[in-house]
Amino acid sequence: MFGIFAGLALLLACIGIYGVLSYLTSRRVPEIGLRMALGASAGDVRRLIFRQSAGMILVGVTLGTAGALAASRLLERLVSGARPADPVTFIVMILILIVAALAASFSRRAALANSIQ
């Protein structure tokens, strides 16, 4: 039962992260267009978006990991038989969420760059 709920939570988190980062990137269409019109290459725009997305992802991973560790300790005390945080599980989940966040940033950037050119 915990596995099903964990999978659903991961799916909802990926959808939420994708939606938020996609929205934030789409709000920057005028800025990206202006940068490209002034001579920025697609690589420059890609690096800019990656740098800014990586900063948000790093903060999210740090706060999320701290919150998840605290929640796992609480769950361990409240539910008999619950295991403490498994490092492999944490690493896999963090990587999945990072991939979802980067996919959102770059898929919107690619669509924007193609529509502007």
C-alpha atoms as a PDB file:
ATOM      1  CA  MET A   1       0.000   0.000   0.000  1.00  0.00           C
ATOM      2  CA  PHE A   2       2.846   2.389   0.846  1.00  0.00           C
ATOM      3  CA  GLY A   3       4.469   1.593  -2.506  1.00  0.00           C
ATOM      4  CA  ILE A   4       1.327   2.550  -4.420  1.00  0.00           C
ATOM      5  CA  PHE A   5       0.971   5.826  -2.553  1.00  0.00           C
ATOM      6  CA  ALA A   6       4.679   6.565  -2.961  1.00  0.00           C
ATOM      7  CA  GLY A   7       4.420   5.974  -6.711  1.00  0.00           C
ATOM      8  CA  LEU A   8       1.398   8.263  -6.966  1.00  0.00           C
ATOM      9  CA  ALA A   9       3.178  10.922  -4.913  1.00  0.00           C
ATOM     10  CA  LEU A  10       6.207  10.708  -7.202  1.00  0.00           C
ATOM     11  CA  LEU A  11       3.996  11.003 -10.286  1.00  0.00           C
ATOM     12  CA  LEU A  12       2.199  14.040  -8.868  1.00  0.00           C
ATOM     13  CA  ALA A  13       5.502  15.635  -7.869  1.00  0.00           C
ATOM     14  CA  CYS A  14       6.900  15.147 -11.396  1.00  0.00           C
ATOM     15  CA  ILE A  15       3.772  16.626 -12.951  1.00  0.00           C
ATOM     16  CA  GLY A  16       3.877  19.575 -10.550  1.00  0.00           C
ATOM     17  CA  ILE A  17       7.557  20.277 -11.123  1.00  0.00           C
ATOM     18  CA  TYR A  18       7.128  19.987 -14.875  1.00  0.00           C
ATOM     19  CA  GLY A  19       4.155  22.347 -14.814  1.00  0.00           C
ATOM     20  CA  VAL A  20       5.784  25.001 -12.653  1.00  0.00           C
ATOM     21  CA  LEU A  21       9.102  25.082 -14.524  1.00  0.00           C
ATOM     22  CA  SER A  22       7.367  24.951 -17.875  1.00  0.00           C
ATOM     23  CA  TYR A  23       5.189  27.895 -16.856  1.00  0.00           C
ATOM     24  CA  LEU A  24       8.152  29.883 -15.538  1.00  0.00           C
ATOM     25  CA  THR A  25      10.085  29.276 -18.756  1.00  0.00           C
ATOM     26  CA  SER A  26       7.107  30.185 -20.947  1.00  0.00           C
ATOM     27  CA  ARG A  27       6.744  33.505 -19.101  1.00  0.00           C
ATOM     28  CA  ARG A  28      10.196  34.408 -20.407  1.00  0.00           C
ATOM     29  CA  VAL A  29       9.296  34.283 -24.118  1.00  0.00           C
ATOM     30  CA  PRO A  30       9.781  38.045 -24.630  1.00  0.00           C
ATOM     31  CA  GLU A  31      13.114  38.017 -22.814  1.00  0.00           C
ATOM     32  CA  ILE A  32      14.388  35.023 -24.775  1.00  0.00           C
ATOM     33  CA  GLY A  33      13.217  36.583 -28.024  1.00  0.00           C
ATOM     34  CA  LEU A  34      14.949  39.848 -27.201  1.00  0.00           C
ATOM     35  CA  ARG A  35      18.178  38.096 -26.260  1.00  0.00           C
ATOM     36  CA  MET A  36      18.153  36.153 -29.529  1.00  0.00           C
ATOM     37  CA  ALA A  37      17.318  39.272 -31.524  1.00  0.00           C
ATOM     38  CA  LEU A  38      20.290  41.036 -29.944  1.00  0.00           C
ATOM     39  CA  GLY A  39      22.607  38.233 -31.011  1.00  0.00           C
ATOM     40  CA  ALA A  40      22.484  35.564 -28.334  1.00  0.00           C
ATOM     41  CA  SER A  41      22.920  32.105 -29.771  1.00  0.00           C
ATOM     42  CA  ALA A  42      20.688  29.168 -28.914  1.00  0.00           C
ATOM     43  CA  GLY A  43      23.555  27.828 -26.787  1.00  0.00           C
ATOM     44  CA  ASP A  44      23.670  31.059 -24.801  1.00  0.00           C
ATOM     45  CA  VAL A  45      19.945  30.861 -24.116  1.00  0.00           C
ATOM     46  CA  ARG A  46      20.250  27.167 -23.225  1.00  0.00           C
ATOM     47  CA  ARG A  47      23.041  27.892 -20.726  1.00  0.00           C
ATOM     48  CA  LEU A  48      21.087  30.774 -19.182  1.00  0.00           C
ATOM     49  CA  ILE A  49      17.981  28.660 -18.666  1.00  0.00           C
ATOM     50  CA  PHE A  50      20.026  25.718 -17.395  1.00  0.00           C
ATOM     51  CA  ARG A  51      21.866  27.905 -14.885  1.00  0.00           C
ATOM     52  CA  GLN A  52      18.660  29.405 -13.523  1.00  0.00           C
ATOM     53  CA  SER A  53      16.811  26.070 -13.495  1.00  0.00           C
ATOM     54  CA  ALA A  54      19.744  24.353 -11.783  1.00  0.00           C
ATOM     55  CA  GLY A  55      19.643  26.933  -9.002  1.00  0.00           C
ATOM     56  CA  MET A  56      15.963  26.306  -8.361  1.00  0.00           C
ATOM     57  CA  ILE A  57      16.462  22.548  -8.592  1.00  0.00           C
ATOM     58  CA  LEU A  58      19.344  22.639  -6.106  1.00  0.00           C
ATOM     59  CA  VAL A  59      17.288  24.578  -3.564  1.00  0.00           C
ATOM     60  CA  GLY A  60      14.335  22.235  -4.097  1.00  0.00           C
ATOM     61  CA  VAL A  61      16.455  19.102  -3.714  1.00  0.00           C
ATOM     62  CA  THR A  62      18.081  20.437  -0.548  1.00  0.00           C
ATOM     63  CA  LEU A  63      14.826  21.441   1.136  1.00  0.00           C
ATOM     64  CA  GLY A  64      12.983  18.376  -0.131  1.00  0.00           C
ATOM     65  CA  THR A  65      15.638  15.967   1.097  1.00  0.00           C
ATOM     66  CA  ALA A  66      15.669  17.587   4.528  1.00  0.00           C
ATOM     67  CA  GLY A  67      11.877  17.404   4.712  1.00  0.00           C
ATOM     68  CA  ALA A  68      11.805  13.805   3.489  1.00  0.00           C
ATOM     69  CA  LEU A  69      14.400  12.720   6.042  1.00  0.00           C
ATOM     70  CA  ALA A  70      12.404  14.370   8.814  1.00  0.00           C
ATOM     71  CA  ALA A  71       9.181  12.785   7.571  1.00  0.00           C
ATOM     72  CA  SER A  72      10.796   9.345   7.349  1.00  0.00           C
ATOM     73  CA  ARG A  73      11.960   9.603  10.961  1.00  0.00           C
ATOM     74  CA  LEU A  74       8.457  10.605  12.027  1.00  0.00           C
ATOM     75  CA  LEU A  75       6.902   7.795   9.977  1.00  0.00           C
ATOM     76  CA  GLU A  76       9.304   5.305  11.507  1.00  0.00           C
ATOM     77  CA  ARG A  77       8.073   6.256  14.987  1.00  0.00           C
ATOM     78  CA  LEU A  78       4.376   6.316  14.094  1.00  0.00           C
ATOM     79  CA  VAL A  79       4.103   3.206  11.909  1.00  0.00           C
ATOM     80  CA  SER A  80       5.422  -0.087  13.173  1.00  0.00           C
ATOM     81  CA  GLY A  81       7.515  -1.915  10.624  1.00  0.00           C
ATOM     82  CA  ALA A  82       8.417   1.186   8.602  1.00  0.00           C
ATOM     83  CA  ARG A  83      12.083   1.264   7.666  1.00  0.00           C
ATOM     84  CA  PRO A  84      14.187   4.406   7.996  1.00  0.00           C
ATOM     85  CA  ALA A  85      15.278   6.317   4.929  1.00  0.00           C
ATOM     86  CA  ASP A  86      16.937   4.078   2.345  1.00  0.00           C
ATOM     87  CA  PRO A  87      19.765   5.976   0.585  1.00  0.00           C
ATOM     88  CA  VAL A  88      19.235   4.166  -2.728  1.00  0.00           C
ATOM     89  CA  THR A  89      15.553   5.103  -2.753  1.00  0.00           C
ATOM     90  CA  PHE A  90      16.342   8.728  -1.974  1.00  0.00           C
ATOM     91  CA  ILE A  91      18.942   8.937  -4.732  1.00  0.00           C
ATOM     92  CA  VAL A  92      16.660   7.331  -7.332  1.00  0.00           C
ATOM     93  CA  MET A  93      13.742   9.613  -6.445  1.00  0.00           C
ATOM     94  CA  ILE A  94      15.927  12.718  -6.487  1.00  0.00           C
ATOM     95  CA  LEU A  95      17.290  11.767  -9.912  1.00  0.00           C
ATOM     96  CA  ILE A  96      13.792  11.189 -11.293  1.00  0.00           C
ATOM     97  CA  LEU A  97      12.635  14.589 -10.032  1.00  0.00           C
ATOM     98  CA  ILE A  98      15.743  16.320 -11.414  1.00  0.00           C
ATOM     99  CA  VAL A  99      15.173  14.732 -14.832  1.00  0.00           C
ATOM    100  CA  ALA A 100      11.539  15.921 -14.774  1.00  0.00           C
ATOM    101  CA  ALA A 101      12.643  19.448 -13.896  1.00  0.00           C
ATOM    102  CA  LEU A 102      15.324  19.594 -16.599  1.00  0.00           C
ATOM    103  CA  ALA A 103      12.933  18.139 -19.165  1.00  0.00           C
ATOM    104  CA  ALA A 104      10.449  20.902 -18.396  1.00  0.00           C
ATOM    105  CA  SER A 105      13.060  23.615 -18.725  1.00  0.00           C
ATOM    106  CA  PHE A 106      14.574  22.357 -21.949  1.00  0.00           C
ATOM    107  CA  SER A 107      11.445  21.204 -23.727  1.00  0.00           C
ATOM    108  CA  ARG A 108       9.915  24.673 -23.382  1.00  0.00           C
ATOM    109  CA  ARG A 109      13.199  26.334 -24.307  1.00  0.00           C
ATOM    110  CA  ALA A 110      13.453  24.259 -27.470  1.00  0.00           C
ATOM    111  CA  ALA A 111       9.889  25.123 -28.458  1.00  0.00           C
ATOM    112  CA  LEU A 112      10.495  28.802 -27.773  1.00  0.00           C
ATOM    113  CA  ALA A 113      13.754  28.926 -29.689  1.00  0.00           C
ATOM    114  CA  ASN A 114      12.200  27.223 -32.713  1.00  0.00           C
ATOM    115  CA  SER A 115       9.189  29.544 -32.726  1.00  0.00           C
ATOM    116  CA  ILE A 116      11.369  32.641 -32.419  1.00  0.00           C
ATOM    117  CA  GLN A 117      13.783  31.707 -35.213  1.00  0.00           C
END
